[in-house]
Amino acid sequence: MSQIIIKRALEWFGVVTAIAYSILVASNTGNEVIGFLLLFISAVAIGAWAFLCKHFGILLLQFFYASAGIFGVLRWI
């Protein structure tokens, strides 16, 4: 697979999982654990994309989002 395809896949997978996370957490339907897990997955995907594209500010931000995802899961289980 080419670098361009990998980068696009990581970027858009991260975006879609972040959207799903936002909807699940905001809906207050008891699916918060899944939502925070999606936040973590999104942060990993976007973090990998940011690293490959040398967007180090975004990469740093993803470390905090990943930490929030872990914290959220631990609080809800």
PDB file of N, CA and C in Angstrom:
ATOM      1  N   MET A   1       0.845  -1.173   0.000  1.00  0.00           N
ATOM      2  CA  MET A   1       0.000   0.000   0.000  1.00  0.00           C
ATOM      3  C   MET A   1       0.893   1.239   0.000  1.00  0.00           C
ATOM      4  N   SER A   2       0.507   2.224  -0.749  1.00  0.00           N
ATOM      5  CA  SER A   2       1.332   3.425  -0.816  1.00  0.00           C
ATOM      6  C   SER A   2       1.160   4.275   0.446  1.00  0.00           C
ATOM      7  N   GLN A   3       2.145   5.115   0.674  1.00  0.00           N
ATOM      8  CA  GLN A   3       2.112   6.012   1.844  1.00  0.00           C
ATOM      9  C   GLN A   3       0.881   6.912   1.816  1.00  0.00           C
ATOM     10  N   ILE A   4       0.511   7.368   0.639  1.00  0.00           N
ATOM     11  CA  ILE A   4      -0.638   8.275   0.528  1.00  0.00           C
ATOM     12  C   ILE A   4      -1.920   7.575   0.976  1.00  0.00           C
ATOM     13  N   ILE A   5      -2.103   6.337   0.560  1.00  0.00           N
ATOM     14  CA  ILE A   5      -3.309   5.590   0.941  1.00  0.00           C
ATOM     15  C   ILE A   5      -3.323   5.333   2.444  1.00  0.00           C
ATOM     16  N   ILE A   6      -2.178   4.973   3.003  1.00  0.00           N
ATOM     17  CA  ILE A   6      -2.090   4.735   4.450  1.00  0.00           C
ATOM     18  C   ILE A   6      -2.422   6.006   5.218  1.00  0.00           C
ATOM     19  N   LYS A   7      -1.856   7.129   4.791  1.00  0.00           N
ATOM     20  CA  LYS A   7      -2.111   8.398   5.473  1.00  0.00           C
ATOM     21  C   LYS A   7      -3.587   8.774   5.408  1.00  0.00           C
ATOM     22  N   ARG A   8      -4.183   8.641   4.233  1.00  0.00           N
ATOM     23  CA  ARG A   8      -5.610   8.979   4.097  1.00  0.00           C
ATOM     24  C   ARG A   8      -6.481   8.053   4.933  1.00  0.00           C
ATOM     25  N   ALA A   9      -6.148   6.772   4.941  1.00  0.00           N
ATOM     26  CA  ALA A   9      -6.934   5.811   5.727  1.00  0.00           C
ATOM     27  C   ALA A   9      -6.860   6.138   7.213  1.00  0.00           C
ATOM     28  N   LEU A  10      -5.663   6.436   7.722  1.00  0.00           N
ATOM     29  CA  LEU A  10      -5.510   6.792   9.136  1.00  0.00           C
ATOM     30  C   LEU A  10      -6.279   8.064   9.464  1.00  0.00           C
ATOM     31  N   GLU A  11      -6.139   9.070   8.605  1.00  0.00           N
ATOM     32  CA  GLU A  11      -6.808  10.346   8.839  1.00  0.00           C
ATOM     33  C   GLU A  11      -8.325  10.168   8.904  1.00  0.00           C
ATOM     34  N   TRP A  12      -8.906   9.516   7.907  1.00  0.00           N
ATOM     35  CA  TRP A  12     -10.359   9.407   7.839  1.00  0.00           C
ATOM     36  C   TRP A  12     -10.922   8.403   8.827  1.00  0.00           C
ATOM     37  N   PHE A  13     -10.187   7.340   9.121  1.00  0.00           N
ATOM     38  CA  PHE A  13     -10.617   6.415  10.168  1.00  0.00           C
ATOM     39  C   PHE A  13     -10.667   7.151  11.506  1.00  0.00           C
ATOM     40  N   GLY A  14      -9.653   7.978  11.767  1.00  0.00           N
ATOM     41  CA  GLY A  14      -9.629   8.769  12.994  1.00  0.00           C
ATOM     42  C   GLY A  14     -10.779   9.750  13.072  1.00  0.00           C
ATOM     43  N   VAL A  15     -11.097  10.379  11.956  1.00  0.00           N
ATOM     44  CA  VAL A  15     -12.201  11.339  11.921  1.00  0.00           C
ATOM     45  C   VAL A  15     -13.539  10.642  12.185  1.00  0.00           C
ATOM     46  N   VAL A  16     -13.769   9.533  11.503  1.00  0.00           N
ATOM     47  CA  VAL A  16     -15.040   8.814  11.663  1.00  0.00           C
ATOM     48  C   VAL A  16     -15.207   8.302  13.094  1.00  0.00           C
ATOM     49  N   THR A  17     -14.145   7.752  13.679  1.00  0.00           N
ATOM     50  CA  THR A  17     -14.260   7.260  15.054  1.00  0.00           C
ATOM     51  C   THR A  17     -14.438   8.411  16.042  1.00  0.00           C
ATOM     52  N   ALA A  18     -13.849   9.575  15.758  1.00  0.00           N
ATOM     53  CA  ALA A  18     -14.046  10.739  16.630  1.00  0.00           C
ATOM     54  C   ALA A  18     -15.490  11.232  16.564  1.00  0.00           C
ATOM     55  N   ILE A  19     -16.077  11.215  15.383  1.00  0.00           N
ATOM     56  CA  ILE A  19     -17.481  11.610  15.241  1.00  0.00           C
ATOM     57  C   ILE A  19     -18.378  10.642  16.011  1.00  0.00           C
ATOM     58  N   ALA A  20     -18.117   9.351  15.858  1.00  0.00           N
ATOM     59  CA  ALA A  20     -18.909   8.348  16.582  1.00  0.00           C
ATOM     60  C   ALA A  20     -18.753   8.527  18.089  1.00  0.00           C
ATOM     61  N   TYR A  21     -17.527   8.794  18.542  1.00  0.00           N
ATOM     62  CA  TYR A  21     -17.279   9.045  19.968  1.00  0.00           C
ATOM     63  C   TYR A  21     -18.130  10.216  20.454  1.00  0.00           C
ATOM     64  N   SER A  22     -18.095  11.315  19.716  1.00  0.00           N
ATOM     65  CA  SER A  22     -18.823  12.511  20.132  1.00  0.00           C
ATOM     66  C   SER A  22     -20.317  12.244  20.256  1.00  0.00           C
ATOM     67  N   ILE A  23     -20.860  11.538  19.291  1.00  0.00           N
ATOM     68  CA  ILE A  23     -22.297  11.236  19.305  1.00  0.00           C
ATOM     69  C   ILE A  23     -22.650  10.326  20.478  1.00  0.00           C
ATOM     70  N   LEU A  24     -21.844   9.291  20.709  1.00  0.00           N
ATOM     71  CA  LEU A  24     -22.139   8.359  21.806  1.00  0.00           C
ATOM     72  C   LEU A  24     -22.074   9.034  23.172  1.00  0.00           C
ATOM     73  N   VAL A  25     -21.061   9.848  23.389  1.00  0.00           N
ATOM     74  CA  VAL A  25     -20.923  10.495  24.696  1.00  0.00           C
ATOM     75  C   VAL A  25     -22.010  11.554  24.883  1.00  0.00           C
ATOM     76  N   ALA A  26     -22.295  12.324  23.843  1.00  0.00           N
ATOM     77  CA  ALA A  26     -23.305  13.377  23.952  1.00  0.00           C
ATOM     78  C   ALA A  26     -24.719  12.822  24.087  1.00  0.00           C
ATOM     79  N   SER A  27     -24.962  11.625  23.570  1.00  0.00           N
ATOM     80  CA  SER A  27     -26.313  11.062  23.604  1.00  0.00           C
ATOM     81  C   SER A  27     -26.739  10.617  25.000  1.00  0.00           C
ATOM     82  N   ASN A  28     -25.769  10.422  25.896  1.00  0.00           N
ATOM     83  CA  ASN A  28     -26.066  10.039  27.275  1.00  0.00           C
ATOM     84  C   ASN A  28     -26.995   8.823  27.328  1.00  0.00           C
ATOM     85  N   THR A  29     -26.645   7.795  26.554  1.00  0.00           N
ATOM     86  CA  THR A  29     -27.476   6.595  26.458  1.00  0.00           C
ATOM     87  C   THR A  29     -26.856   5.389  27.146  1.00  0.00           C
ATOM     88  N   GLY A  30     -25.832   5.608  27.936  1.00  0.00           N
ATOM     89  CA  GLY A  30     -25.186   4.502  28.621  1.00  0.00           C
ATOM     90  C   GLY A  30     -24.076   3.851  27.814  1.00  0.00           C
ATOM     91  N   ASN A  31     -23.738   4.437  26.688  1.00  0.00           N
ATOM     92  CA  ASN A  31     -22.684   3.890  25.834  1.00  0.00           C
ATOM     93  C   ASN A  31     -21.370   4.658  25.965  1.00  0.00           C
ATOM     94  N   GLU A  32     -21.181   5.294  27.106  1.00  0.00           N
ATOM     95  CA  GLU A  32     -20.004   6.126  27.282  1.00  0.00           C
ATOM     96  C   GLU A  32     -18.704   5.334  27.210  1.00  0.00           C
ATOM     97  N   VAL A  33     -18.688   4.112  27.719  1.00  0.00           N
ATOM     98  CA  VAL A  33     -17.458   3.306  27.679  1.00  0.00           C
ATOM     99  C   VAL A  33     -17.045   3.068  26.234  1.00  0.00           C
ATOM    100  N   ILE A  34     -18.008   2.720  25.395  1.00  0.00           N
ATOM    101  CA  ILE A  34     -17.701   2.522  23.975  1.00  0.00           C
ATOM    102  C   ILE A  34     -17.234   3.838  23.361  1.00  0.00           C
ATOM    103  N   GLY A  35     -17.874   4.932  23.743  1.00  0.00           N
ATOM    104  CA  GLY A  35     -17.480   6.241  23.236  1.00  0.00           C
ATOM    105  C   GLY A  35     -16.049   6.590  23.591  1.00  0.00           C
ATOM    106  N   PHE A  36     -15.672   6.397  24.842  1.00  0.00           N
ATOM    107  CA  PHE A  36     -14.306   6.714  25.248  1.00  0.00           C
ATOM    108  C   PHE A  36     -13.293   5.765  24.614  1.00  0.00           C
ATOM    109  N   LEU A  37     -13.696   4.531  24.382  1.00  0.00           N
ATOM    110  CA  LEU A  37     -12.829   3.603  23.662  1.00  0.00           C
ATOM    111  C   LEU A  37     -12.611   4.099  22.231  1.00  0.00           C
ATOM    112  N   LEU A  38     -13.670   4.601  21.606  1.00  0.00           N
ATOM    113  CA  LEU A  38     -13.539   5.174  20.265  1.00  0.00           C
ATOM    114  C   LEU A  38     -12.658   6.417  20.275  1.00  0.00           C
ATOM    115  N   LEU A  39     -12.735   7.212  21.337  1.00  0.00           N
ATOM    116  CA  LEU A  39     -11.852   8.374  21.462  1.00  0.00           C
ATOM    117  C   LEU A  39     -10.399   7.928  21.461  1.00  0.00           C
ATOM    118  N   PHE A  40     -10.096   6.892  22.223  1.00  0.00           N
ATOM    119  CA  PHE A  40      -8.729   6.377  22.278  1.00  0.00           C
ATOM    120  C   PHE A  40      -8.288   5.870  20.901  1.00  0.00           C
ATOM    121  N   ILE A  41      -9.141   5.095  20.246  1.00  0.00           N
ATOM    122  CA  ILE A  41      -8.811   4.557  18.919  1.00  0.00           C
ATOM    123  C   ILE A  41      -8.601   5.694  17.920  1.00  0.00           C
ATOM    124  N   SER A  42      -9.461   6.692  17.980  1.00  0.00           N
ATOM    125  CA  SER A  42      -9.331   7.852  17.106  1.00  0.00           C
ATOM    126  C   SER A  42      -8.011   8.578  17.344  1.00  0.00           C
ATOM    127  N   ALA A  43      -7.653   8.763  18.601  1.00  0.00           N
ATOM    128  CA  ALA A  43      -6.405   9.457  18.932  1.00  0.00           C
ATOM    129  C   ALA A  43      -5.190   8.695  18.420  1.00  0.00           C
ATOM    130  N   VAL A  44      -5.230   7.377  18.505  1.00  0.00           N
ATOM    131  CA  VAL A  44      -4.115   6.569  17.993  1.00  0.00           C
ATOM    132  C   VAL A  44      -4.018   6.717  16.475  1.00  0.00           C
ATOM    133  N   ALA A  45      -5.154   6.631  15.787  1.00  0.00           N
ATOM    134  CA  ALA A  45      -5.149   6.739  14.327  1.00  0.00           C
ATOM    135  C   ALA A  45      -4.690   8.120  13.871  1.00  0.00           C
ATOM    136  N   ILE A  46      -5.260   9.162  14.457  1.00  0.00           N
ATOM    137  CA  ILE A  46      -4.874  10.514  14.058  1.00  0.00           C
ATOM    138  C   ILE A  46      -3.443  10.811  14.500  1.00  0.00           C
ATOM    139  N   GLY A  47      -3.031  10.263  15.637  1.00  0.00           N
ATOM    140  CA  GLY A  47      -1.642  10.423  16.074  1.00  0.00           C
ATOM    141  C   GLY A  47      -0.665   9.795  15.096  1.00  0.00           C
ATOM    142  N   ALA A  48      -0.992   8.605  14.600  1.00  0.00           N
ATOM    143  CA  ALA A  48      -0.129   7.950  13.604  1.00  0.00           C
ATOM    144  C   ALA A  48      -0.086   8.768  12.321  1.00  0.00           C
ATOM    145  N   TRP A  49      -1.240   9.271  11.893  1.00  0.00           N
ATOM    146  CA  TRP A  49      -1.296  10.125  10.704  1.00  0.00           C
ATOM    147  C   TRP A  49      -0.446  11.381  10.910  1.00  0.00           C
ATOM    148  N   ALA A  50      -0.599  12.018  12.070  1.00  0.00           N
ATOM    149  CA  ALA A  50       0.160  13.237  12.356  1.00  0.00           C
ATOM    150  C   ALA A  50       1.660  12.968  12.353  1.00  0.00           C
ATOM    151  N   PHE A  51       2.061  11.842  12.908  1.00  0.00           N
ATOM    152  CA  PHE A  51       3.481  11.483  12.919  1.00  0.00           C
ATOM    153  C   PHE A  51       3.999  11.296  11.493  1.00  0.00           C
ATOM    154  N   LEU A  52       3.262  10.543  10.690  1.00  0.00           N
ATOM    155  CA  LEU A  52       3.692  10.291   9.309  1.00  0.00           C
ATOM    156  C   LEU A  52       3.749  11.569   8.480  1.00  0.00           C
ATOM    157  N   CYS A  53       2.845  12.503   8.772  1.00  0.00           N
ATOM    158  CA  CYS A  53       2.796  13.761   8.019  1.00  0.00           C
ATOM    159  C   CYS A  53       3.612  14.870   8.675  1.00  0.00           C
ATOM    160  N   LYS A  54       4.268  14.547   9.782  1.00  0.00           N
ATOM    161  CA  LYS A  54       5.105  15.500  10.522  1.00  0.00           C
ATOM    162  C   LYS A  54       4.311  16.702  11.052  1.00  0.00           C
ATOM    163  N   HIS A  55       3.085  16.432  11.510  1.00  0.00           N
ATOM    164  CA  HIS A  55       2.257  17.445  12.169  1.00  0.00           C
ATOM    165  C   HIS A  55       2.398  17.221  13.678  1.00  0.00           C
ATOM    166  N   PHE A  56       3.498  17.700  14.228  1.00  0.00           N
ATOM    167  CA  PHE A  56       3.840  17.346  15.601  1.00  0.00           C
ATOM    168  C   PHE A  56       2.958  18.026  16.647  1.00  0.00           C
ATOM    169  N   GLY A  57       2.395  19.171  16.330  1.00  0.00           N
ATOM    170  CA  GLY A  57       1.442  19.798  17.245  1.00  0.00           C
ATOM    171  C   GLY A  57       0.182  18.952  17.399  1.00  0.00           C
ATOM    172  N   ILE A  58      -0.324  18.447  16.290  1.00  0.00           N
ATOM    173  CA  ILE A  58      -1.489  17.561  16.318  1.00  0.00           C
ATOM    174  C   ILE A  58      -1.140  16.264  17.038  1.00  0.00           C
ATOM    175  N   LEU A  59       0.073  15.761  16.824  1.00  0.00           N
ATOM    176  CA  LEU A  59       0.519  14.539  17.501  1.00  0.00           C
ATOM    177  C   LEU A  59       0.498  14.728  19.014  1.00  0.00           C
ATOM    178  N   LEU A  60       1.006  15.861  19.492  1.00  0.00           N
ATOM    179  CA  LEU A  60       0.988  16.144  20.930  1.00  0.00           C
ATOM    180  C   LEU A  60      -0.447  16.187  21.452  1.00  0.00           C
ATOM    181  N   LEU A  61      -1.329  16.821  20.710  1.00  0.00           N
ATOM    182  CA  LEU A  61      -2.732  16.892  21.109  1.00  0.00           C
ATOM    183  C   LEU A  61      -3.350  15.501  21.223  1.00  0.00           C
ATOM    184  N   GLN A  62      -2.978  14.597  20.336  1.00  0.00           N
ATOM    185  CA  GLN A  62      -3.527  13.242  20.356  1.00  0.00           C
ATOM    186  C   GLN A  62      -3.094  12.462  21.592  1.00  0.00           C
ATOM    187  N   PHE A  63      -1.914  12.771  22.129  1.00  0.00           N
ATOM    188  CA  PHE A  63      -1.504  12.136  23.388  1.00  0.00           C
ATOM    189  C   PHE A  63      -2.484  12.497  24.504  1.00  0.00           C
ATOM    190  N   PHE A  64      -2.925  13.755  24.522  1.00  0.00           N
ATOM    191  CA  PHE A  64      -3.886  14.172  25.543  1.00  0.00           C
ATOM    192  C   PHE A  64      -5.264  13.555  25.294  1.00  0.00           C
ATOM    193  N   TYR A  65      -5.683  13.470  24.036  1.00  0.00           N
ATOM    194  CA  TYR A  65      -6.957  12.820  23.720  1.00  0.00           C
ATOM    195  C   TYR A  65      -6.920  11.341  24.083  1.00  0.00           C
ATOM    196  N   ALA A  66      -5.804  10.678  23.792  1.00  0.00           N
ATOM    197  CA  ALA A  66      -5.675   9.255  24.145  1.00  0.00           C
ATOM    198  C   ALA A  66      -5.739   9.089  25.660  1.00  0.00           C
ATOM    199  N   SER A  67      -5.085   9.988  26.386  1.00  0.00           N
ATOM    200  CA  SER A  67      -5.132   9.937  27.850  1.00  0.00           C
ATOM    201  C   SER A  67      -6.556  10.136  28.355  1.00  0.00           C
ATOM    202  N   ALA A  68      -7.287  11.064  27.747  1.00  0.00           N
ATOM    203  CA  ALA A  68      -8.682  11.289  28.135  1.00  0.00           C
ATOM    204  C   ALA A  68      -9.527  10.054  27.838  1.00  0.00           C
ATOM    205  N   GLY A  69      -9.251   9.389  26.734  1.00  0.00           N
ATOM    206  CA  GLY A  69      -9.976   8.162  26.402  1.00  0.00           C
ATOM    207  C   GLY A  69      -9.742   7.073  27.430  1.00  0.00           C
ATOM    208  N   ILE A  70      -8.493   6.899  27.829  1.00  0.00           N
ATOM    209  CA  ILE A  70      -8.162   5.894  28.850  1.00  0.00           C
ATOM    210  C   ILE A  70      -8.826   6.256  30.175  1.00  0.00           C
ATOM    211  N   PHE A  71      -8.717   7.510  30.562  1.00  0.00           N
ATOM    212  CA  PHE A  71      -9.319   7.971  31.810  1.00  0.00           C
ATOM    213  C   PHE A  71     -10.835   7.772  31.781  1.00  0.00           C
ATOM    214  N   GLY A  72     -11.466   8.109  30.654  1.00  0.00           N
ATOM    215  CA  GLY A  72     -12.912   7.948  30.530  1.00  0.00           C
ATOM    216  C   GLY A  72     -13.349   6.499  30.656  1.00  0.00           C
ATOM    217  N   VAL A  73     -12.624   5.602  30.009  1.00  0.00           N
ATOM    218  CA  VAL A  73     -12.964   4.176  30.103  1.00  0.00           C
ATOM    219  C   VAL A  73     -12.819   3.697  31.543  1.00  0.00           C
ATOM    220  N   LEU A  74     -11.724   4.061  32.189  1.00  0.00           N
ATOM    221  CA  LEU A  74     -11.491   3.613  33.565  1.00  0.00           C
ATOM    222  C   LEU A  74     -12.545   4.149  34.532  1.00  0.00           C
ATOM    223  N   ARG A  75     -13.022   5.354  34.295  1.00  0.00           N
ATOM    224  CA  ARG A  75     -14.054   5.917  35.174  1.00  0.00           C
ATOM    225  C   ARG A  75     -15.402   5.237  34.997  1.00  0.00           C
ATOM    226  N   TRP A  76     -15.683   4.732  33.803  1.00  0.00           N
ATOM    227  CA  TRP A  76     -17.003   4.171  33.524  1.00  0.00           C
ATOM    228  C   TRP A  76     -17.087   2.669  33.724  1.00  0.00           C
ATOM    229  N   ILE A  77     -15.945   1.983  33.888  1.00  0.00           N
ATOM    230  CA  ILE A  77     -16.047   0.529  34.090  1.00  0.00           C
ATOM    231  C   ILE A  77     -16.041   0.182  35.563  1.00  0.00           C
TER     232      ILE A  77
END
